[in-house]
Amino acid sequence: MKVLVATHSYRGNGAAVMLIAVMRHWIRDLGWTVDALLDADKEVPDELAELGVMICSEPIPEQYDFVLVNTMICGGMVEVFAPRVATALWVHEGETVVWNSELLPERWLNMFMKPHRIVFQTRWQADVVYRSFMVRVPEERIVCVPNGLPTMPSAIAPKPRDPAKKRVVFLGGVYARKRPIDLVDAILSTGRDDIECVFVGQTAEMETMGEDANQRIRARPDIFKLVGETSREEALGYLASADAFCLPSGDESQPISPLEAAALGVPSLLTDLPPYAGIWRHGSNCLLHPVGDHGLLGWNLTAILSDPGLHKAIVQRSQDLVNRFSLNVFLRRFTAEMPV
């Protein structure tokens, strides 16, 4: 089998981590040939070099058995490949990509009509967010395959920390959709100086949060640390050193970072989002707060940092999800849904 994958990024986000996991399985376990679409002037990411994939800037679609287009950010590639070769579109996004798009509805309809298979992580995406764009798409082309937890690095070294402080870690891009400022305001509302908050992720779009938000972060370097984008192994090193993980996003589909936290024995503080229903339960395997409610987030944060019994119970119950979202099950189901 010869496959071409196309995406906007091969590292630095959950969609990229999941794609690399799929590519590794296809290459090493199944013996497939997998090429990656990448502009000729771009640096080859370590993740692709490690897999030994061929980099293509001008591929010939007919040379492949199928093409996998990863994320709606590069969904327009479907229109390029689908008329010439079997094509799958893997949708990782929730609502924000739709609301912020400048594309006309006709273009959205076209992007969803052309793929031979459309893969979502959650029924919420298929039944709510994108349903109006798929009214003419045959049901057999639409599938839901929940993410599995990608294999954790064999040796994760917890990052050094101040033993006199509690550490909260945020993994993800520091920009408006992820709402990191809610975590900032929640910590400030506690009035505590014994909390260290580490933001791990790219900071190029911090301006989307507004200047006031950025100033609140920079005004307290004793509390808030921006470490930028790192390798997955290094990011997990920060997570492994944390007392709590927080993802206060306004919109997600099925992020893998809370599962990574569970695998490392770190409790999660999350927003109460529709795709989490039936998975993340407040007071059971995480603590939830409504989007934008930094007051309740502050209360949850104080509870998880101050109550060892609650901390232990949340961690124990969250680890049940690690087995529920098996990578092997995901890889088998995802591969079976490819258009071949």
C-alpha atoms as a PDB file:
ATOM      1  CA  MET A   1       0.000   0.000   0.000  1.00  0.00           C
ATOM      2  CA  LYS A   2       1.286   3.463  -0.904  1.00  0.00           C
ATOM      3  CA  VAL A   3      -0.218   6.447   0.901  1.00  0.00           C
ATOM      4  CA  LEU A   4       0.189  10.218   0.834  1.00  0.00           C
ATOM      5  CA  VAL A   5      -0.589  12.284   3.937  1.00  0.00           C
ATOM      6  CA  ALA A   6      -1.227  16.035   3.866  1.00  0.00           C
ATOM      7  CA  THR A   7      -1.546  18.303   6.884  1.00  0.00           C
ATOM      8  CA  HIS A   8      -0.803  21.841   8.041  1.00  0.00           C
ATOM      9  CA  SER A   9       1.595  20.757  10.793  1.00  0.00           C
ATOM     10  CA  TYR A  10       3.488  17.595  11.698  1.00  0.00           C
ATOM     11  CA  ARG A  11       4.251  18.599  15.281  1.00  0.00           C
ATOM     12  CA  GLY A  12       3.154  20.798  18.170  1.00  0.00           C
ATOM     13  CA  ASN A  13      -0.518  19.811  18.453  1.00  0.00           C
ATOM     14  CA  GLY A  14      -2.749  16.814  19.132  1.00  0.00           C
ATOM     15  CA  ALA A  15      -3.758  16.389  15.493  1.00  0.00           C
ATOM     16  CA  ALA A  16      -0.097  16.081  14.528  1.00  0.00           C
ATOM     17  CA  VAL A  17       0.654  13.617  17.330  1.00  0.00           C
ATOM     18  CA  MET A  18      -2.255  11.419  16.237  1.00  0.00           C
ATOM     19  CA  LEU A  19      -1.169  11.585  12.594  1.00  0.00           C
ATOM     20  CA  ILE A  20       2.393  10.554  13.446  1.00  0.00           C
ATOM     21  CA  ALA A  21       1.008   7.618  15.468  1.00  0.00           C
ATOM     22  CA  VAL A  22      -0.992   6.488  12.420  1.00  0.00           C
ATOM     23  CA  MET A  23       1.967   6.910  10.074  1.00  0.00           C
ATOM     24  CA  ARG A  24       4.232   4.935  12.417  1.00  0.00           C
ATOM     25  CA  HIS A  25       1.708   2.076  12.511  1.00  0.00           C
ATOM     26  CA  TRP A  26       1.293   1.990   8.742  1.00  0.00           C
ATOM     27  CA  ILE A  27       5.047   2.046   8.108  1.00  0.00           C
ATOM     28  CA  ARG A  28       6.424  -0.158  10.881  1.00  0.00           C
ATOM     29  CA  ASP A  29       3.569  -2.548  11.618  1.00  0.00           C
ATOM     30  CA  LEU A  30       1.915  -2.888   8.194  1.00  0.00           C
ATOM     31  CA  GLY A  31       4.916  -2.257   5.953  1.00  0.00           C
ATOM     32  CA  TRP A  32       3.180   0.419   3.908  1.00  0.00           C
ATOM     33  CA  THR A  33       4.962   3.203   2.051  1.00  0.00           C
ATOM     34  CA  VAL A  34       3.866   6.587   3.400  1.00  0.00           C
ATOM     35  CA  ASP A  35       4.873   9.897   1.827  1.00  0.00           C
ATOM     36  CA  ALA A  36       4.307  13.313   3.406  1.00  0.00           C
ATOM     37  CA  LEU A  37       3.274  16.480   1.601  1.00  0.00           C
ATOM     38  CA  LEU A  38       5.578  19.345   2.582  1.00  0.00           C
ATOM     39  CA  ASP A  39       6.775  22.455   0.777  1.00  0.00           C
ATOM     40  CA  ALA A  40      10.275  22.023  -0.588  1.00  0.00           C
ATOM     41  CA  ASP A  41      11.552  25.063   1.306  1.00  0.00           C
ATOM     42  CA  LYS A  42      10.305  23.837   4.689  1.00  0.00           C
ATOM     43  CA  GLU A  43      12.529  22.120   7.247  1.00  0.00           C
ATOM     44  CA  VAL A  44      11.737  18.430   7.649  1.00  0.00           C
ATOM     45  CA  PRO A  45      10.332  17.849  11.170  1.00  0.00           C
ATOM     46  CA  ASP A  46      12.231  15.379  13.331  1.00  0.00           C
ATOM     47  CA  GLU A  47       9.079  13.287  13.613  1.00  0.00           C
ATOM     48  CA  LEU A  48       9.090  12.628   9.853  1.00  0.00           C
ATOM     49  CA  ALA A  49      12.833  12.121   9.641  1.00  0.00           C
ATOM     50  CA  GLU A  50      12.629   9.522  12.409  1.00  0.00           C
ATOM     51  CA  LEU A  51      10.044   7.575  10.408  1.00  0.00           C
ATOM     52  CA  GLY A  52      12.083   7.817   7.211  1.00  0.00           C
ATOM     53  CA  VAL A  53       9.173   9.038   5.102  1.00  0.00           C
ATOM     54  CA  MET A  54       9.635  10.504   1.632  1.00  0.00           C
ATOM     55  CA  ILE A  55       8.912  14.240   1.461  1.00  0.00           C
ATOM     56  CA  CYS A  56       6.897  15.344  -1.567  1.00  0.00           C
ATOM     57  CA  SER A  57       6.222  18.936  -2.580  1.00  0.00           C
ATOM     58  CA  GLU A  58       4.529  18.144  -5.909  1.00  0.00           C
ATOM     59  CA  PRO A  59       3.075  14.620  -5.623  1.00  0.00           C
ATOM     60  CA  ILE A  60       1.281  12.825  -8.437  1.00  0.00           C
ATOM     61  CA  PRO A  61      -2.013  11.688  -6.837  1.00  0.00           C
ATOM     62  CA  GLU A  62      -2.516   8.730  -9.195  1.00  0.00           C
ATOM     63  CA  GLN A  63       0.644   7.110  -7.824  1.00  0.00           C
ATOM     64  CA  TYR A  64      -1.047   6.488  -4.459  1.00  0.00           C
ATOM     65  CA  ASP A  65      -3.662   4.011  -3.256  1.00  0.00           C
ATOM     66  CA  PHE A  66      -5.234   6.794  -1.188  1.00  0.00           C
ATOM     67  CA  VAL A  67      -4.559  10.206   0.346  1.00  0.00           C
ATOM     68  CA  LEU A  68      -5.228  11.201   3.960  1.00  0.00           C
ATOM     69  CA  VAL A  69      -5.964  14.910   4.477  1.00  0.00           C
ATOM     70  CA  ASN A  70      -5.483  15.740   8.141  1.00  0.00           C
ATOM     71  CA  THR A  71      -7.541  18.595   9.734  1.00  0.00           C
ATOM     72  CA  MET A  72      -9.975  21.108   8.276  1.00  0.00           C
ATOM     73  CA  ILE A  73      -7.234  23.727   8.283  1.00  0.00           C
ATOM     74  CA  CYS A  74      -6.002  22.118   5.079  1.00  0.00           C
ATOM     75  CA  GLY A  75      -9.417  20.772   4.070  1.00  0.00           C
ATOM     76  CA  GLY A  76      -9.129  22.524   0.719  1.00  0.00           C
ATOM     77  CA  MET A  77      -6.606  19.853  -0.302  1.00  0.00           C
ATOM     78  CA  VAL A  78      -9.535  17.457  -0.581  1.00  0.00           C
ATOM     79  CA  GLU A  79     -10.664  19.387  -3.646  1.00  0.00           C
ATOM     80  CA  VAL A  80      -7.227  18.847  -5.197  1.00  0.00           C
ATOM     81  CA  PHE A  81      -6.833  15.141  -4.507  1.00  0.00           C
ATOM     82  CA  ALA A  82     -10.335  13.592  -4.346  1.00  0.00           C
ATOM     83  CA  PRO A  83     -11.119  13.947  -8.082  1.00  0.00           C
ATOM     84  CA  ARG A  84      -7.954  11.965  -8.871  1.00  0.00           C
ATOM     85  CA  VAL A  85      -7.485   9.423  -6.051  1.00  0.00           C
ATOM     86  CA  ALA A  86      -9.417   7.914  -3.136  1.00  0.00           C
ATOM     87  CA  THR A  87      -9.220  10.486  -0.335  1.00  0.00           C
ATOM     88  CA  ALA A  88     -10.031  10.504   3.387  1.00  0.00           C
ATOM     89  CA  LEU A  89     -10.614  13.694   5.389  1.00  0.00           C
ATOM     90  CA  TRP A  90      -9.773  13.469   9.102  1.00  0.00           C
ATOM     91  CA  VAL A  91     -11.594  16.225  11.020  1.00  0.00           C
ATOM     92  CA  HIS A  92     -10.020  17.155  14.364  1.00  0.00           C
ATOM     93  CA  GLU A  93     -11.715  20.510  14.906  1.00  0.00           C
ATOM     94  CA  GLY A  94     -14.827  21.633  16.744  1.00  0.00           C
ATOM     95  CA  GLU A  95     -16.849  24.795  16.142  1.00  0.00           C
ATOM     96  CA  THR A  96     -14.191  27.514  15.992  1.00  0.00           C
ATOM     97  CA  VAL A  97     -12.875  26.607  12.547  1.00  0.00           C
ATOM     98  CA  VAL A  98     -16.382  27.054  11.141  1.00  0.00           C
ATOM     99  CA  TRP A  99     -17.259  30.313  12.903  1.00  0.00           C
ATOM    100  CA  ASN A 100     -13.928  31.918  12.040  1.00  0.00           C
ATOM    101  CA  SER A 101     -13.933  30.815   8.413  1.00  0.00           C
ATOM    102  CA  GLU A 102     -14.354  33.254   5.549  1.00  0.00           C
ATOM    103  CA  LEU A 103     -15.416  30.460   3.195  1.00  0.00           C
ATOM    104  CA  LEU A 104     -18.897  30.525   1.678  1.00  0.00           C
ATOM    105  CA  PRO A 105     -21.263  27.648   2.585  1.00  0.00           C
ATOM    106  CA  GLU A 106     -20.964  26.352  -0.967  1.00  0.00           C
ATOM    107  CA  ARG A 107     -17.257  25.785  -0.457  1.00  0.00           C
ATOM    108  CA  TRP A 108     -17.870  23.931   2.814  1.00  0.00           C
ATOM    109  CA  LEU A 109     -20.439  21.724   1.087  1.00  0.00           C
ATOM    110  CA  ASN A 110     -17.933  20.981  -1.662  1.00  0.00           C
ATOM    111  CA  MET A 111     -15.156  20.036   0.783  1.00  0.00           C
ATOM    112  CA  PHE A 112     -17.430  17.499   2.487  1.00  0.00           C
ATOM    113  CA  MET A 113     -18.975  16.121  -0.702  1.00  0.00           C
ATOM    114  CA  LYS A 114     -15.695  15.121  -2.336  1.00  0.00           C
ATOM    115  CA  PRO A 115     -13.934  12.834   0.213  1.00  0.00           C
ATOM    116  CA  HIS A 116     -14.486   9.106  -0.093  1.00  0.00           C
ATOM    117  CA  ARG A 117     -14.412   8.910   3.706  1.00  0.00           C
ATOM    118  CA  ILE A 118     -14.845  11.546   6.449  1.00  0.00           C
ATOM    119  CA  VAL A 119     -13.481  10.577   9.861  1.00  0.00           C
ATOM    120  CA  PHE A 120     -14.511  12.380  13.064  1.00  0.00           C
ATOM    121  CA  GLN A 121     -13.471  11.739  16.677  1.00  0.00           C
ATOM    122  CA  THR A 122     -16.900  12.398  18.176  1.00  0.00           C
ATOM    123  CA  ARG A 123     -20.549  12.105  17.146  1.00  0.00           C
ATOM    124  CA  TRP A 124     -20.949  15.708  18.300  1.00  0.00           C
ATOM    125  CA  GLN A 125     -18.788  16.859  15.402  1.00  0.00           C
ATOM    126  CA  ALA A 126     -20.703  14.790  12.854  1.00  0.00           C
ATOM    127  CA  ASP A 127     -24.205  15.294  14.228  1.00  0.00           C
ATOM    128  CA  VAL A 128     -24.020  18.928  15.364  1.00  0.00           C
ATOM    129  CA  VAL A 129     -21.067  20.983  14.149  1.00  0.00           C
ATOM    130  CA  TYR A 130     -20.727  19.802  10.546  1.00  0.00           C
ATOM    131  CA  ARG A 131     -24.107  18.183   9.883  1.00  0.00           C
ATOM    132  CA  SER A 132     -25.451  21.007   7.701  1.00  0.00           C
ATOM    133  CA  PHE A 133     -22.498  20.597   5.337  1.00  0.00           C
ATOM    134  CA  MET A 134     -23.124  16.866   4.889  1.00  0.00           C
ATOM    135  CA  VAL A 135     -26.821  16.761   3.976  1.00  0.00           C
ATOM    136  CA  ARG A 136     -25.961  15.247   0.584  1.00  0.00           C
ATOM    137  CA  VAL A 137     -23.112  13.025   1.792  1.00  0.00           C
ATOM    138  CA  PRO A 138     -23.976   9.283   1.854  1.00  0.00           C
ATOM    139  CA  GLU A 139     -24.023   8.057   5.461  1.00  0.00           C
ATOM    140  CA  GLU A 140     -21.596   5.238   4.715  1.00  0.00           C
ATOM    141  CA  ARG A 141     -18.885   7.815   4.007  1.00  0.00           C
ATOM    142  CA  ILE A 142     -19.186   9.335   7.503  1.00  0.00           C
ATOM    143  CA  VAL A 143     -17.515   7.496  10.390  1.00  0.00           C
ATOM    144  CA  CYS A 144     -16.533   8.228  13.992  1.00  0.00           C
ATOM    145  CA  VAL A 145     -13.289   6.813  15.387  1.00  0.00           C
ATOM    146  CA  PRO A 146     -12.369   8.181  18.849  1.00  0.00           C
ATOM    147  CA  ASN A 147      -8.695   8.959  19.365  1.00  0.00           C
ATOM    148  CA  GLY A 148      -6.579   6.509  21.297  1.00  0.00           C
ATOM    149  CA  LEU A 149      -3.804   7.603  23.628  1.00  0.00           C
ATOM    150  CA  PRO A 150      -0.590   7.706  21.557  1.00  0.00           C
ATOM    151  CA  THR A 151       2.287   5.693  22.962  1.00  0.00           C
ATOM    152  CA  MET A 152       3.979   7.592  25.768  1.00  0.00           C
ATOM    153  CA  PRO A 153       7.776   8.069  25.513  1.00  0.00           C
ATOM    154  CA  SER A 154       9.640   5.342  27.360  1.00  0.00           C
ATOM    155  CA  ALA A 155      11.541   7.681  29.658  1.00  0.00           C
ATOM    156  CA  ILE A 156       9.761  10.851  30.743  1.00  0.00           C
ATOM    157  CA  ALA A 157      11.908  12.921  33.082  1.00  0.00           C
ATOM    158  CA  PRO A 158       9.842  15.289  35.269  1.00  0.00           C
ATOM    159  CA  LYS A 159      11.063  18.861  34.921  1.00  0.00           C
ATOM    160  CA  PRO A 160      12.739  20.430  37.973  1.00  0.00           C
ATOM    161  CA  ARG A 161      10.474  22.636  40.082  1.00  0.00           C
ATOM    162  CA  ASP A 162      10.391  24.728  43.230  1.00  0.00           C
ATOM    163  CA  PRO A 163       9.368  22.315  46.019  1.00  0.00           C
ATOM    164  CA  ALA A 164       7.745  25.173  47.905  1.00  0.00           C
ATOM    165  CA  LYS A 165       5.241  25.785  45.103  1.00  0.00           C
ATOM    166  CA  LYS A 166       2.337  23.898  43.560  1.00  0.00           C
ATOM    167  CA  ARG A 167       2.709  23.495  39.810  1.00  0.00           C
ATOM    168  CA  VAL A 168      -0.140  23.788  37.290  1.00  0.00           C
ATOM    169  CA  VAL A 169       0.627  22.950  33.656  1.00  0.00           C
ATOM    170  CA  PHE A 170      -1.188  24.053  30.509  1.00  0.00           C
ATOM    171  CA  LEU A 171      -0.378  22.171  27.273  1.00  0.00           C
ATOM    172  CA  GLY A 172      -1.358  23.744  23.972  1.00  0.00           C
ATOM    173  CA  GLY A 173      -1.050  26.879  21.902  1.00  0.00           C
ATOM    174  CA  VAL A 174      -1.281  30.029  24.006  1.00  0.00           C
ATOM    175  CA  TYR A 175      -4.051  31.783  22.075  1.00  0.00           C
ATOM    176  CA  ALA A 176      -7.686  32.838  22.404  1.00  0.00           C
ATOM    177  CA  ARG A 177      -9.513  29.558  21.660  1.00  0.00           C
ATOM    178  CA  LYS A 178      -7.632  27.734  24.395  1.00  0.00           C
ATOM    179  CA  ARG A 179      -8.580  30.518  26.872  1.00  0.00           C
ATOM    180  CA  PRO A 180      -5.339  30.413  28.911  1.00  0.00           C
ATOM    181  CA  ILE A 181      -6.276  33.795  30.364  1.00  0.00           C
ATOM    182  CA  ASP A 182      -9.068  32.077  32.320  1.00  0.00           C
ATOM    183  CA  LEU A 183      -6.415  30.022  34.078  1.00  0.00           C
ATOM    184  CA  VAL A 184      -4.380  33.172  34.720  1.00  0.00           C
ATOM    185  CA  ASP A 185      -7.381  34.958  36.248  1.00  0.00           C
ATOM    186  CA  ALA A 186      -8.353  31.880  38.251  1.00  0.00           C
ATOM    187  CA  ILE A 187      -4.893  31.676  39.825  1.00  0.00           C
ATOM    188  CA  LEU A 188      -4.789  35.403  40.521  1.00  0.00           C
ATOM    189  CA  SER A 189      -8.233  35.187  42.150  1.00  0.00           C
ATOM    190  CA  THR A 190      -6.896  32.728  44.734  1.00  0.00           C
ATOM    191  CA  GLY A 191      -4.471  35.353  46.028  1.00  0.00           C
ATOM    192  CA  ARG A 192      -1.835  32.653  46.457  1.00  0.00           C
ATOM    193  CA  ASP A 193       1.862  33.155  45.736  1.00  0.00           C
ATOM    194  CA  ASP A 194       2.729  29.478  46.146  1.00  0.00           C
ATOM    195  CA  ILE A 195       1.434  28.456  42.691  1.00  0.00           C
ATOM    196  CA  GLU A 196       3.589  28.180  39.587  1.00  0.00           C
ATOM    197  CA  CYS A 197       1.740  28.016  36.246  1.00  0.00           C
ATOM    198  CA  VAL A 198       3.692  26.713  33.241  1.00  0.00           C
ATOM    199  CA  PHE A 199       2.352  27.301  29.717  1.00  0.00           C
ATOM    200  CA  VAL A 200       3.820  24.773  27.270  1.00  0.00           C
ATOM    201  CA  GLY A 201       3.016  25.562  23.646  1.00  0.00           C
ATOM    202  CA  GLN A 202       3.566  27.999  20.830  1.00  0.00           C
ATOM    203  CA  THR A 203       3.145  31.667  21.695  1.00  0.00           C
ATOM    204  CA  ALA A 204       3.069  33.200  18.206  1.00  0.00           C
ATOM    205  CA  GLU A 205      -0.655  33.960  18.461  1.00  0.00           C
ATOM    206  CA  MET A 206      -0.782  35.404  21.968  1.00  0.00           C
ATOM    207  CA  GLU A 207      -2.064  38.687  20.542  1.00  0.00           C
ATOM    208  CA  THR A 208      -5.421  36.999  19.877  1.00  0.00           C
ATOM    209  CA  MET A 209      -6.041  37.137  23.648  1.00  0.00           C
ATOM    210  CA  GLY A 210      -5.728  40.928  23.738  1.00  0.00           C
ATOM    211  CA  GLU A 211      -3.043  43.162  25.205  1.00  0.00           C
ATOM    212  CA  ASP A 212      -4.633  43.288  28.678  1.00  0.00           C
ATOM    213  CA  ALA A 213      -4.428  39.509  28.949  1.00  0.00           C
ATOM    214  CA  ASN A 214      -0.814  39.441  27.864  1.00  0.00           C
ATOM    215  CA  GLN A 215       0.067  42.133  30.371  1.00  0.00           C
ATOM    216  CA  ARG A 216      -1.490  40.147  33.225  1.00  0.00           C
ATOM    217  CA  ILE A 217       0.703  37.195  32.335  1.00  0.00           C
ATOM    218  CA  ARG A 218       3.888  39.227  31.988  1.00  0.00           C
ATOM    219  CA  ALA A 219       3.215  41.212  35.168  1.00  0.00           C
ATOM    220  CA  ARG A 220       3.734  38.093  37.328  1.00  0.00           C
ATOM    221  CA  PRO A 221       6.811  36.214  36.080  1.00  0.00           C
ATOM    222  CA  ASP A 222       7.055  34.718  39.560  1.00  0.00           C
ATOM    223  CA  ILE A 223       3.841  32.784  38.831  1.00  0.00           C
ATOM    224  CA  PHE A 224       3.458  32.449  35.041  1.00  0.00           C
ATOM    225  CA  LYS A 225       6.110  30.779  32.871  1.00  0.00           C
ATOM    226  CA  LEU A 226       5.961  30.687  29.049  1.00  0.00           C
ATOM    227  CA  VAL A 227       8.278  27.945  27.783  1.00  0.00           C
ATOM    228  CA  GLY A 228       7.115  27.929  24.153  1.00  0.00           C
ATOM    229  CA  GLU A 229       6.700  24.961  21.835  1.00  0.00           C
ATOM    230  CA  THR A 230       8.723  21.893  22.757  1.00  0.00           C
ATOM    231  CA  SER A 231       9.033  18.274  21.706  1.00  0.00           C
ATOM    232  CA  ARG A 232       6.280  15.977  22.956  1.00  0.00           C
ATOM    233  CA  GLU A 233       8.737  14.284  25.313  1.00  0.00           C
ATOM    234  CA  GLU A 234       9.772  17.592  26.876  1.00  0.00           C
ATOM    235  CA  ALA A 235       6.155  18.765  27.158  1.00  0.00           C
ATOM    236  CA  LEU A 236       5.259  15.540  28.949  1.00  0.00           C
ATOM    237  CA  GLY A 237       8.201  16.155  31.274  1.00  0.00           C
ATOM    238  CA  TYR A 238       6.513  19.368  32.410  1.00  0.00           C
ATOM    239  CA  LEU A 239       3.196  17.531  32.731  1.00  0.00           C
ATOM    240  CA  ALA A 240       4.786  14.749  34.789  1.00  0.00           C
ATOM    241  CA  SER A 241       6.067  17.357  37.256  1.00  0.00           C
ATOM    242  CA  ALA A 242       2.629  18.960  37.763  1.00  0.00           C
ATOM    243  CA  ASP A 243       0.177  18.872  40.640  1.00  0.00           C
ATOM    244  CA  ALA A 244      -2.636  19.612  38.186  1.00  0.00           C
ATOM    245  CA  PHE A 245      -3.234  19.949  34.461  1.00  0.00           C
ATOM    246  CA  CYS A 246      -5.595  22.588  33.101  1.00  0.00           C
ATOM    247  CA  LEU A 247      -7.161  22.935  29.641  1.00  0.00           C
ATOM    248  CA  PRO A 248      -9.708  25.792  29.889  1.00  0.00           C
ATOM    249  CA  SER A 249     -10.557  25.815  26.162  1.00  0.00           C
ATOM    250  CA  GLY A 250     -13.678  27.341  24.714  1.00  0.00           C
ATOM    251  CA  ASP A 251     -13.775  24.679  21.985  1.00  0.00           C
ATOM    252  CA  GLU A 252     -12.258  21.225  21.502  1.00  0.00           C
ATOM    253  CA  SER A 253     -13.160  17.968  19.788  1.00  0.00           C
ATOM    254  CA  GLN A 254     -11.235  15.182  21.546  1.00  0.00           C
ATOM    255  CA  PRO A 255      -7.922  16.458  22.933  1.00  0.00           C
ATOM    256  CA  ILE A 256      -5.330  13.868  23.941  1.00  0.00           C
ATOM    257  CA  SER A 257      -3.642  15.993  26.627  1.00  0.00           C
ATOM    258  CA  PRO A 258      -6.129  15.061  29.406  1.00  0.00           C
ATOM    259  CA  LEU A 259      -5.498  11.384  28.620  1.00  0.00           C
ATOM    260  CA  GLU A 260      -1.752  12.030  28.788  1.00  0.00           C
ATOM    261  CA  ALA A 261      -2.267  13.664  32.181  1.00  0.00           C
ATOM    262  CA  ALA A 262      -4.261  10.656  33.377  1.00  0.00           C
ATOM    263  CA  ALA A 263      -1.513   8.294  32.233  1.00  0.00           C
ATOM    264  CA  LEU A 264       1.003  10.331  34.246  1.00  0.00           C
ATOM    265  CA  GLY A 265      -1.146  10.464  37.378  1.00  0.00           C
ATOM    266  CA  VAL A 266      -2.013  14.150  37.099  1.00  0.00           C
ATOM    267  CA  PRO A 267      -5.631  15.344  37.657  1.00  0.00           C
ATOM    268  CA  SER A 268      -7.313  17.475  34.972  1.00  0.00           C
ATOM    269  CA  LEU A 269      -9.254  20.727  35.271  1.00  0.00           C
ATOM    270  CA  LEU A 270     -11.377  21.073  32.135  1.00  0.00           C
ATOM    271  CA  THR A 271     -14.186  23.116  30.644  1.00  0.00           C
ATOM    272  CA  ASP A 272     -17.589  21.447  30.372  1.00  0.00           C
ATOM    273  CA  LEU A 273     -17.705  20.960  26.594  1.00  0.00           C
ATOM    274  CA  PRO A 274     -20.278  18.950  24.579  1.00  0.00           C
ATOM    275  CA  PRO A 275     -17.781  16.401  23.165  1.00  0.00           C
ATOM    276  CA  TYR A 276     -16.663  15.478  26.699  1.00  0.00           C
ATOM    277  CA  ALA A 277     -20.115  14.142  27.631  1.00  0.00           C
ATOM    278  CA  GLY A 278     -19.966  10.551  28.861  1.00  0.00           C
ATOM    279  CA  ILE A 279     -16.163  10.684  29.103  1.00  0.00           C
ATOM    280  CA  TRP A 280     -15.049  13.411  31.500  1.00  0.00           C
ATOM    281  CA  ARG A 281     -17.272  13.614  34.591  1.00  0.00           C
ATOM    282  CA  HIS A 282     -17.066  16.375  37.182  1.00  0.00           C
ATOM    283  CA  GLY A 283     -16.046  15.157  40.623  1.00  0.00           C
ATOM    284  CA  SER A 284     -15.316  11.694  39.282  1.00  0.00           C
ATOM    285  CA  ASN A 285     -12.379  11.673  36.851  1.00  0.00           C
ATOM    286  CA  CYS A 286     -11.805  15.444  36.550  1.00  0.00           C
ATOM    287  CA  LEU A 287     -13.124  18.802  37.733  1.00  0.00           C
ATOM    288  CA  LEU A 288     -15.200  20.782  35.219  1.00  0.00           C
ATOM    289  CA  HIS A 289     -16.210  24.428  34.965  1.00  0.00           C
ATOM    290  CA  PRO A 290     -18.343  26.330  32.427  1.00  0.00           C
ATOM    291  CA  VAL A 291     -16.414  28.064  29.655  1.00  0.00           C
ATOM    292  CA  GLY A 292     -15.150  31.426  30.894  1.00  0.00           C
ATOM    293  CA  ASP A 293     -16.046  30.875  34.556  1.00  0.00           C
ATOM    294  CA  HIS A 294     -12.631  31.587  36.024  1.00  0.00           C
ATOM    295  CA  GLY A 295     -14.195  31.950  39.479  1.00  0.00           C
ATOM    296  CA  LEU A 296     -15.285  28.304  39.532  1.00  0.00           C
ATOM    297  CA  LEU A 297     -12.005  27.295  37.928  1.00  0.00           C
ATOM    298  CA  GLY A 298     -10.237  29.012  40.822  1.00  0.00           C
ATOM    299  CA  TRP A 299     -12.392  27.082  43.283  1.00  0.00           C
ATOM    300  CA  ASN A 300     -11.645  23.789  41.484  1.00  0.00           C
ATOM    301  CA  LEU A 301      -7.955  24.613  41.442  1.00  0.00           C
ATOM    302  CA  THR A 302      -7.900  25.333  45.176  1.00  0.00           C
ATOM    303  CA  ALA A 303      -9.773  22.093  45.860  1.00  0.00           C
ATOM    304  CA  ILE A 304      -7.466  19.873  43.830  1.00  0.00           C
ATOM    305  CA  LEU A 305      -4.314  21.475  45.284  1.00  0.00           C
ATOM    306  CA  SER A 306      -5.527  21.441  48.897  1.00  0.00           C
ATOM    307  CA  ASP A 307      -7.385  18.142  49.246  1.00  0.00           C
ATOM    308  CA  PRO A 308      -5.105  15.079  48.914  1.00  0.00           C
ATOM    309  CA  GLY A 309      -8.083  12.719  49.069  1.00  0.00           C
ATOM    310  CA  LEU A 310      -9.836  14.438  46.158  1.00  0.00           C
ATOM    311  CA  HIS A 311      -6.580  14.576  44.213  1.00  0.00           C
ATOM    312  CA  LYS A 312      -6.035  10.834  44.634  1.00  0.00           C
ATOM    313  CA  ALA A 313      -9.622   9.880  43.770  1.00  0.00           C
ATOM    314  CA  ILE A 314      -9.662  11.987  40.583  1.00  0.00           C
ATOM    315  CA  VAL A 315      -6.373  10.504  39.439  1.00  0.00           C
ATOM    316  CA  GLN A 316      -7.457   6.911  40.084  1.00  0.00           C
ATOM    317  CA  ARG A 317     -10.730   7.269  38.187  1.00  0.00           C
ATOM    318  CA  SER A 318      -9.162   9.159  35.286  1.00  0.00           C
ATOM    319  CA  GLN A 319      -6.712   6.316  34.709  1.00  0.00           C
ATOM    320  CA  ASP A 320      -9.644   4.077  33.736  1.00  0.00           C
ATOM    321  CA  LEU A 321      -9.890   6.177  30.558  1.00  0.00           C
ATOM    322  CA  VAL A 322      -6.342   5.250  29.559  1.00  0.00           C
ATOM    323  CA  ASN A 323      -7.481   1.659  28.970  1.00  0.00           C
ATOM    324  CA  ARG A 324     -10.781   2.765  27.435  1.00  0.00           C
ATOM    325  CA  PHE A 325      -8.974   4.763  24.749  1.00  0.00           C
ATOM    326  CA  SER A 326      -6.512   2.105  23.627  1.00  0.00           C
ATOM    327  CA  LEU A 327      -4.137   3.117  20.849  1.00  0.00           C
ATOM    328  CA  ASN A 328      -4.215  -0.374  19.313  1.00  0.00           C
ATOM    329  CA  VAL A 329      -8.000  -0.342  19.106  1.00  0.00           C
ATOM    330  CA  PHE A 330      -7.910   3.111  17.537  1.00  0.00           C
ATOM    331  CA  LEU A 331      -5.277   2.150  14.945  1.00  0.00           C
ATOM    332  CA  ARG A 332      -7.195  -0.961  13.934  1.00  0.00           C
ATOM    333  CA  ARG A 333     -10.497   0.912  13.585  1.00  0.00           C
ATOM    334  CA  PHE A 334      -8.996   3.940  11.847  1.00  0.00           C
ATOM    335  CA  THR A 335      -7.077   1.872   9.314  1.00  0.00           C
ATOM    336  CA  ALA A 336     -10.174  -0.197   8.543  1.00  0.00           C
ATOM    337  CA  GLU A 337     -12.043   2.990   7.606  1.00  0.00           C
ATOM    338  CA  MET A 338      -9.553   4.148   4.990  1.00  0.00           C
ATOM    339  CA  PRO A 339     -10.935   4.288   1.402  1.00  0.00           C
ATOM    340  CA  VAL A 340      -9.160   1.242  -0.024  1.00  0.00           C
END
